[in-house]
Amino acid sequence: MSSSQALIRYTYLSKPNSDAKMSASITTQVPGKFDSSVLKYLRDKYPNNRQIEVTEVIWK
């Protein structure tokens, strides 16, 4: 499977008992060009972040 470069904007909870959402963005190579690949990538890369939600993906 080939990888594609993407700009990913997402929100997450950094602490298990917190209600405050944090926003972040990253530009990276994602295997495949699927939204499910983006979410899997973020969950694998940041296992301590809770409730990750992808807000925008810009494929390059």
N, C-alpha and C. Protein backbone atom coordinates (compact mmCIF):
# COMPACT_ATOMS: atom_id res chain seq x y z
N MET A 1 0.85 -1.17 0.00
CA MET A 1 0.00 0.00 0.00
C MET A 1 0.89 1.24 0.00
N SER A 2 0.57 2.15 -0.86
CA SER A 2 1.37 3.37 -0.94
C SER A 2 0.92 4.36 0.14
N SER A 3 1.76 5.33 0.40
CA SER A 3 1.41 6.35 1.39
C SER A 3 1.25 7.69 0.69
N SER A 4 0.45 8.54 1.32
CA SER A 4 0.17 9.87 0.77
C SER A 4 0.43 10.91 1.84
N GLN A 5 0.94 12.06 1.42
CA GLN A 5 1.16 13.14 2.37
C GLN A 5 -0.16 13.84 2.65
N ALA A 6 -0.37 14.18 3.94
CA ALA A 6 -1.62 14.83 4.33
C ALA A 6 -1.37 15.82 5.45
N LEU A 7 -2.12 16.91 5.41
CA LEU A 7 -2.19 17.85 6.53
C LEU A 7 -3.42 17.44 7.31
N ILE A 8 -3.23 17.11 8.59
CA ILE A 8 -4.33 16.61 9.42
C ILE A 8 -4.56 17.60 10.56
N ARG A 9 -5.79 18.05 10.69
CA ARG A 9 -6.19 18.87 11.84
C ARG A 9 -7.13 18.01 12.68
N TYR A 10 -6.90 18.02 14.00
CA TYR A 10 -7.70 17.16 14.86
C TYR A 10 -7.84 17.75 16.26
N THR A 11 -8.79 17.23 17.02
CA THR A 11 -8.96 17.61 18.41
C THR A 11 -8.85 16.34 19.26
N TYR A 12 -8.53 16.53 20.54
CA TYR A 12 -8.39 15.38 21.44
C TYR A 12 -8.48 15.84 22.89
N LEU A 13 -8.68 14.90 23.78
CA LEU A 13 -8.61 15.14 25.21
C LEU A 13 -7.26 14.59 25.67
N SER A 14 -6.46 15.42 26.31
CA SER A 14 -5.12 14.97 26.70
C SER A 14 -5.12 14.27 28.06
N LYS A 15 -6.12 14.53 28.88
CA LYS A 15 -6.21 13.91 30.19
C LYS A 15 -7.51 13.13 30.28
N PRO A 16 -7.48 11.95 30.90
CA PRO A 16 -8.67 11.10 30.95
C PRO A 16 -9.90 11.77 31.60
N ASN A 17 -9.72 12.60 32.60
CA ASN A 17 -10.84 13.19 33.31
C ASN A 17 -11.08 14.65 32.94
N SER A 18 -10.58 15.08 31.81
CA SER A 18 -10.71 16.47 31.39
C SER A 18 -11.80 16.62 30.34
N ASP A 19 -12.49 17.76 30.36
CA ASP A 19 -13.48 18.06 29.34
C ASP A 19 -12.95 19.06 28.31
N ALA A 20 -11.76 19.58 28.54
CA ALA A 20 -11.18 20.59 27.64
C ALA A 20 -10.54 19.91 26.43
N LYS A 21 -11.03 20.25 25.25
CA LYS A 21 -10.47 19.69 24.03
C LYS A 21 -9.28 20.53 23.57
N MET A 22 -8.26 19.86 23.12
CA MET A 22 -7.08 20.50 22.57
C MET A 22 -7.16 20.35 21.05
N SER A 23 -6.61 21.34 20.34
CA SER A 23 -6.53 21.29 18.88
C SER A 23 -5.08 21.13 18.47
N ALA A 24 -4.86 20.42 17.38
CA ALA A 24 -3.50 20.22 16.88
C ALA A 24 -3.56 19.96 15.39
N SER A 25 -2.39 20.06 14.75
CA SER A 25 -2.28 19.70 13.34
C SER A 25 -0.92 19.09 13.09
N ILE A 26 -0.85 18.27 12.06
CA ILE A 26 0.39 17.60 11.71
C ILE A 26 0.39 17.36 10.21
N THR A 27 1.55 17.48 9.59
CA THR A 27 1.73 17.10 8.19
C THR A 27 2.59 15.86 8.20
N THR A 28 2.11 14.79 7.58
CA THR A 28 2.81 13.52 7.65
C THR A 28 2.44 12.62 6.47
N GLN A 29 3.14 11.52 6.35
CA GLN A 29 2.83 10.49 5.36
C GLN A 29 1.86 9.51 6.01
N VAL A 30 0.73 9.27 5.37
CA VAL A 30 -0.28 8.35 5.87
C VAL A 30 -0.39 7.17 4.90
N PRO A 31 -0.33 5.94 5.42
CA PRO A 31 -0.49 4.79 4.52
C PRO A 31 -1.91 4.76 3.95
N GLY A 32 -2.01 4.71 2.66
CA GLY A 32 -3.32 4.74 2.01
C GLY A 32 -3.87 6.16 1.98
N LYS A 33 -4.93 6.34 1.23
CA LYS A 33 -5.52 7.67 1.13
C LYS A 33 -6.98 7.58 1.57
N PHE A 34 -7.15 7.13 2.82
CA PHE A 34 -8.48 6.92 3.36
C PHE A 34 -8.61 7.64 4.70
N ASP A 35 -9.82 8.13 5.00
CA ASP A 35 -10.05 8.79 6.29
C ASP A 35 -9.80 7.83 7.46
N SER A 36 -10.14 6.57 7.28
CA SER A 36 -9.90 5.59 8.35
C SER A 36 -8.40 5.41 8.61
N SER A 37 -7.58 5.56 7.57
CA SER A 37 -6.13 5.46 7.73
C SER A 37 -5.60 6.61 8.58
N VAL A 38 -6.20 7.79 8.41
CA VAL A 38 -5.77 8.97 9.17
C VAL A 38 -6.06 8.76 10.65
N LEU A 39 -7.25 8.32 10.99
CA LEU A 39 -7.61 8.10 12.39
C LEU A 39 -6.75 7.01 13.00
N LYS A 40 -6.51 5.93 12.28
CA LYS A 40 -5.63 4.86 12.79
C LYS A 40 -4.23 5.39 13.03
N TYR A 41 -3.72 6.19 12.11
CA TYR A 41 -2.39 6.76 12.25
C TYR A 41 -2.30 7.59 13.54
N LEU A 42 -3.30 8.46 13.77
CA LEU A 42 -3.28 9.32 14.96
C LEU A 42 -3.38 8.50 16.25
N ARG A 43 -4.22 7.48 16.25
CA ARG A 43 -4.36 6.64 17.45
C ARG A 43 -3.08 5.87 17.74
N ASP A 44 -2.40 5.41 16.69
CA ASP A 44 -1.14 4.68 16.88
C ASP A 44 -0.02 5.61 17.33
N LYS A 45 0.03 6.81 16.76
CA LYS A 45 1.11 7.76 17.07
C LYS A 45 0.95 8.39 18.45
N TYR A 46 -0.30 8.65 18.85
CA TYR A 46 -0.57 9.31 20.13
C TYR A 46 -1.51 8.46 20.98
N PRO A 47 -1.03 7.34 21.51
CA PRO A 47 -1.93 6.43 22.25
C PRO A 47 -2.46 7.03 23.56
N ASN A 48 -1.82 8.05 24.12
CA ASN A 48 -2.29 8.63 25.37
C ASN A 48 -3.40 9.65 25.19
N ASN A 49 -3.61 10.12 23.97
CA ASN A 49 -4.68 11.08 23.72
C ASN A 49 -6.01 10.35 23.67
N ARG A 50 -7.02 10.96 24.24
CA ARG A 50 -8.35 10.36 24.29
C ARG A 50 -9.30 11.08 23.34
N GLN A 51 -10.26 10.37 22.85
CA GLN A 51 -11.33 10.90 22.00
C GLN A 51 -10.78 11.77 20.86
N ILE A 52 -9.92 11.19 20.08
CA ILE A 52 -9.36 11.90 18.92
C ILE A 52 -10.46 12.05 17.87
N GLU A 53 -10.62 13.27 17.38
CA GLU A 53 -11.58 13.54 16.31
C GLU A 53 -10.86 14.29 15.20
N VAL A 54 -10.91 13.76 14.00
CA VAL A 54 -10.30 14.40 12.84
C VAL A 54 -11.26 15.50 12.38
N THR A 55 -10.77 16.73 12.29
CA THR A 55 -11.61 17.85 11.86
C THR A 55 -11.40 18.20 10.39
N GLU A 56 -10.19 17.93 9.87
CA GLU A 56 -9.93 18.25 8.46
C GLU A 56 -8.72 17.46 7.99
N VAL A 57 -8.79 17.00 6.75
CA VAL A 57 -7.65 16.34 6.11
C VAL A 57 -7.49 16.97 4.74
N ILE A 58 -6.28 17.45 4.46
CA ILE A 58 -5.96 18.00 3.15
C ILE A 58 -4.88 17.09 2.56
N TRP A 59 -5.27 16.33 1.54
CA TRP A 59 -4.31 15.44 0.89
C TRP A 59 -3.45 16.25 -0.08
N LYS A 60 -2.16 15.95 -0.10
CA LYS A 60 -1.23 16.67 -0.97
C LYS A 60 -0.70 15.74 -2.03
